[in-house]
N, C-alpha and C. Protein backbone atom coordinates (compact mmCIF):
# COMPACT_ATOMS: atom_id res chain seq x y z
N MET A 1 -62.55 -9.98 7.70
CA MET A 1 -62.84 -11.33 6.88
C MET A 1 -62.49 -11.49 5.24
N THR A 2 -61.49 -12.62 4.97
CA THR A 2 -61.29 -12.13 3.62
C THR A 2 -61.58 -13.60 2.84
N GLU A 3 -62.10 -13.30 1.82
CA GLU A 3 -62.50 -14.22 0.86
C GLU A 3 -61.27 -15.05 0.37
N LYS A 4 -61.51 -16.23 -0.25
CA LYS A 4 -60.70 -17.10 -1.26
C LYS A 4 -60.36 -16.62 -2.23
N ALA A 5 -59.26 -16.31 -2.24
CA ALA A 5 -59.10 -16.27 -3.57
C ALA A 5 -59.34 -16.84 -5.31
N TYR A 6 -60.00 -16.76 -6.28
CA TYR A 6 -60.03 -17.35 -6.78
C TYR A 6 -59.07 -17.73 -7.68
N ARG A 7 -58.44 -18.95 -8.00
CA ARG A 7 -57.47 -19.67 -8.61
C ARG A 7 -57.87 -20.55 -9.78
N PRO A 8 -58.20 -20.45 -11.18
CA PRO A 8 -58.39 -21.18 -12.32
C PRO A 8 -57.37 -22.53 -11.95
N ASP A 9 -58.11 -23.82 -12.17
CA ASP A 9 -57.10 -24.62 -12.06
C ASP A 9 -57.38 -25.39 -13.62
N TYR A 10 -56.67 -25.64 -14.59
CA TYR A 10 -57.02 -25.80 -16.29
C TYR A 10 -56.31 -27.35 -16.50
N ARG A 11 -57.15 -28.09 -16.87
CA ARG A 11 -56.93 -29.42 -17.11
C ARG A 11 -57.39 -29.79 -18.89
N ARG A 12 -56.38 -30.47 -19.33
CA ARG A 12 -56.59 -30.63 -20.65
C ARG A 12 -57.04 -31.90 -21.14
N VAL A 13 -58.13 -31.41 -21.96
CA VAL A 13 -59.30 -32.81 -22.42
C VAL A 13 -59.02 -32.79 -24.16
N VAL A 14 -59.73 -34.16 -24.19
CA VAL A 14 -60.09 -34.38 -25.73
C VAL A 14 -61.62 -34.51 -25.98
N ILE A 15 -62.37 -33.73 -26.86
CA ILE A 15 -63.80 -33.75 -26.75
C ILE A 15 -64.25 -34.47 -28.06
N ARG A 16 -65.31 -35.74 -28.10
CA ARG A 16 -65.76 -35.77 -29.97
C ARG A 16 -67.04 -35.16 -29.28
N THR A 17 -67.40 -34.36 -30.62
CA THR A 17 -68.43 -34.46 -30.97
C THR A 17 -69.84 -35.06 -31.93
N SER A 18 -70.85 -34.82 -31.35
CA SER A 18 -71.73 -35.59 -31.69
C SER A 18 -71.48 -35.54 -33.73
N ASP A 19 -70.95 -34.89 -34.12
CA ASP A 19 -70.62 -34.82 -35.61
C ASP A 19 -69.61 -35.47 -36.28
N GLY A 20 -68.85 -35.82 -35.01
CA GLY A 20 -67.64 -36.66 -35.47
C GLY A 20 -66.16 -35.80 -34.98
N GLU A 21 -66.48 -34.65 -34.73
CA GLU A 21 -65.24 -33.47 -34.84
C GLU A 21 -64.35 -33.76 -33.61
N LEU A 22 -63.08 -33.96 -33.40
CA LEU A 22 -62.12 -33.56 -32.04
C LEU A 22 -61.83 -32.47 -31.58
N ILE A 23 -62.31 -32.12 -30.26
CA ILE A 23 -61.51 -30.85 -29.84
C ILE A 23 -60.66 -31.14 -28.89
N GLU A 24 -59.41 -30.41 -28.98
CA GLU A 24 -58.82 -30.62 -27.27
C GLU A 24 -58.50 -29.09 -27.06
N GLY A 25 -58.82 -29.35 -25.86
CA GLY A 25 -58.56 -28.01 -24.92
C GLY A 25 -58.16 -28.18 -23.89
N SER A 26 -58.26 -26.82 -22.80
CA SER A 26 -58.50 -26.89 -21.25
C SER A 26 -59.79 -26.16 -20.95
N VAL A 27 -60.00 -26.90 -19.75
CA VAL A 27 -61.19 -26.80 -18.89
C VAL A 27 -60.70 -26.38 -17.67
N ASN A 28 -61.27 -25.03 -17.10
CA ASN A 28 -60.99 -24.87 -15.75
C ASN A 28 -61.95 -25.83 -14.70
N ILE A 29 -61.38 -26.41 -13.88
CA ILE A 29 -61.93 -27.20 -12.80
C ILE A 29 -62.03 -26.55 -11.63
N ALA A 30 -61.53 -25.73 -11.53
CA ALA A 30 -61.12 -24.92 -9.81
C ALA A 30 -62.28 -24.92 -8.77
N SER A 31 -63.28 -25.09 -9.12
CA SER A 31 -64.65 -25.42 -7.71
C SER A 31 -65.09 -26.63 -8.12
N LYS A 32 -64.42 -27.45 -8.78
CA LYS A 32 -64.61 -29.03 -8.91
C LYS A 32 -63.35 -29.76 -8.22
N GLU A 33 -64.03 -31.15 -7.91
CA GLU A 33 -63.17 -32.13 -7.60
C GLU A 33 -62.37 -32.83 -8.88
N ARG A 34 -63.24 -33.25 -9.81
CA ARG A 34 -62.78 -33.91 -10.91
C ARG A 34 -62.91 -33.26 -12.48
N VAL A 35 -62.23 -33.41 -13.33
CA VAL A 35 -62.81 -33.01 -14.69
C VAL A 35 -64.21 -33.68 -15.08
N SER A 36 -64.67 -34.83 -14.74
CA SER A 36 -65.79 -35.36 -15.08
C SER A 36 -67.14 -34.43 -14.60
N ASP A 37 -66.91 -33.78 -13.52
CA ASP A 37 -67.61 -32.85 -12.94
C ASP A 37 -68.05 -31.86 -13.58
N VAL A 38 -66.78 -31.59 -14.22
CA VAL A 38 -67.60 -30.17 -15.13
C VAL A 38 -68.44 -30.86 -16.70
N PHE A 39 -68.49 -31.94 -16.80
CA PHE A 39 -69.09 -32.56 -18.09
C PHE A 39 -70.69 -32.94 -17.37
N THR A 40 -70.61 -33.40 -15.86
CA THR A 40 -71.75 -34.30 -15.42
C THR A 40 -72.51 -32.91 -14.16
N LYS A 41 -71.92 -32.17 -13.69
CA LYS A 41 -72.53 -31.77 -12.52
C LYS A 41 -72.49 -30.39 -12.51
N GLN A 42 -72.43 -29.65 -13.67
CA GLN A 42 -73.32 -28.31 -13.90
C GLN A 42 -74.07 -28.05 -14.48
N ASP A 43 -75.08 -27.19 -14.42
CA ASP A 43 -76.18 -26.67 -14.45
C ASP A 43 -76.11 -26.06 -16.16
N PRO A 44 -75.39 -25.07 -16.39
CA PRO A 44 -74.92 -24.25 -17.53
C PRO A 44 -74.53 -25.34 -18.76
N PRO A 45 -75.33 -25.35 -19.97
CA PRO A 45 -75.27 -26.28 -21.17
C PRO A 45 -73.98 -26.28 -21.75
N PHE A 46 -73.24 -24.97 -21.35
CA PHE A 46 -72.34 -24.93 -22.45
C PHE A 46 -70.77 -25.05 -21.47
N ILE A 47 -69.53 -25.89 -22.28
CA ILE A 47 -68.29 -25.83 -21.49
C ILE A 47 -67.39 -24.66 -21.85
N VAL A 48 -66.59 -23.95 -21.46
CA VAL A 48 -65.70 -23.31 -22.19
C VAL A 48 -64.17 -23.90 -22.30
N LEU A 49 -63.68 -23.78 -23.43
CA LEU A 49 -62.46 -24.77 -23.74
C LEU A 49 -61.34 -23.64 -23.71
N LYS A 50 -60.18 -23.29 -23.49
CA LYS A 50 -58.99 -22.55 -23.49
C LYS A 50 -58.20 -23.15 -24.30
N ASP A 51 -57.16 -22.32 -24.76
CA ASP A 51 -55.92 -22.61 -25.67
C ASP A 51 -56.43 -24.37 -26.35
N VAL A 52 -57.12 -24.07 -27.34
CA VAL A 52 -57.92 -25.20 -27.93
C VAL A 52 -57.44 -25.26 -29.44
N TYR A 53 -57.21 -26.79 -29.40
CA TYR A 53 -57.04 -27.10 -31.24
C TYR A 53 -57.96 -27.74 -31.68
N PHE A 54 -58.30 -27.45 -32.89
CA PHE A 54 -59.87 -27.54 -33.29
C PHE A 54 -59.06 -27.51 -34.88
N ARG A 55 -59.74 -28.99 -35.93
CA ARG A 55 -59.57 -28.69 -37.39
C ARG A 55 -58.29 -27.98 -37.44
N GLU A 56 -57.33 -28.37 -37.07
CA GLU A 56 -55.88 -28.15 -36.88
C GLU A 56 -55.53 -26.66 -36.93
N ASN A 57 -56.33 -26.07 -36.27
CA ASN A 57 -56.17 -24.50 -35.77
C ASN A 57 -56.22 -24.37 -34.55
N ARG A 58 -55.21 -23.37 -33.64
CA ARG A 58 -55.47 -22.91 -32.58
C ARG A 58 -56.23 -21.73 -32.41
N ILE A 59 -56.84 -22.14 -31.07
CA ILE A 59 -57.90 -20.98 -30.96
C ILE A 59 -58.08 -20.56 -29.31
N ASP A 60 -57.68 -19.43 -29.44
CA ASP A 60 -58.00 -18.98 -28.05
C ASP A 60 -59.13 -19.72 -26.82
N THR A 61 -60.20 -19.32 -27.31
CA THR A 61 -61.80 -19.99 -26.40
C THR A 61 -62.25 -20.52 -27.41
N LEU A 62 -62.89 -21.36 -26.82
CA LEU A 62 -64.27 -22.11 -27.61
C LEU A 62 -65.12 -22.47 -27.01
N ILE A 63 -66.52 -21.89 -27.10
CA ILE A 63 -67.80 -22.61 -26.27
C ILE A 63 -68.49 -23.53 -26.64
N VAL A 64 -68.47 -24.77 -25.95
CA VAL A 64 -68.87 -25.83 -26.57
C VAL A 64 -70.31 -26.43 -26.07
N ASN A 65 -71.39 -26.43 -26.38
CA ASN A 65 -72.69 -27.10 -26.11
C ASN A 65 -72.37 -28.27 -25.75
N LYS A 66 -72.86 -28.83 -23.99
CA LYS A 66 -72.69 -30.37 -23.68
C LYS A 66 -73.68 -31.16 -24.44
N ARG A 67 -74.83 -30.84 -25.22
CA ARG A 67 -75.57 -31.48 -25.57
C ARG A 67 -74.87 -32.40 -27.25
N PHE A 68 -73.92 -31.90 -27.10
CA PHE A 68 -73.48 -32.43 -28.63
C PHE A 68 -71.68 -32.97 -28.35
N ILE A 69 -71.35 -33.30 -26.72
CA ILE A 69 -70.34 -33.92 -26.53
C ILE A 69 -70.74 -35.42 -26.70
N VAL A 70 -69.99 -36.36 -27.11
CA VAL A 70 -70.49 -37.97 -27.12
C VAL A 70 -69.69 -38.53 -25.97
N TRP A 71 -68.02 -37.92 -25.87
CA TRP A 71 -67.21 -38.61 -24.76
C TRP A 71 -66.15 -37.31 -24.80
N ALA A 72 -65.57 -37.24 -23.48
CA ALA A 72 -64.21 -36.27 -23.01
C ALA A 72 -63.35 -37.56 -22.60
N GLU A 73 -62.15 -37.07 -22.78
CA GLU A 73 -61.09 -37.76 -21.83
C GLU A 73 -60.09 -36.41 -21.55
N PRO A 74 -59.65 -36.80 -20.12
CA PRO A 74 -58.62 -36.19 -19.77
C PRO A 74 -57.49 -36.34 -19.69
N LEU A 75 -56.29 -35.58 -20.44
CA LEU A 75 -55.13 -35.68 -20.64
C LEU A 75 -54.04 -35.66 -19.69
N ASP A 76 -54.42 -34.76 -18.66
CA ASP A 76 -53.61 -34.73 -17.56
C ASP A 76 -53.72 -35.76 -16.48
């Protein structure tokens, strides 16, 4: 019996936070059907973003609390 190999599936998004910040990064939707599922159908209160652009800086990984997200837009 073989398990299905886990393969990340990253999608680009832009997020606006409640304090007005814009964050662009990639979210992994490997086990979800759509980008919106990451924001609405998961129990964890945090979203992990990779390859992030935030305040004119590039950051490898940023963890954002979902309670502070006003909106998110998929770019892909």
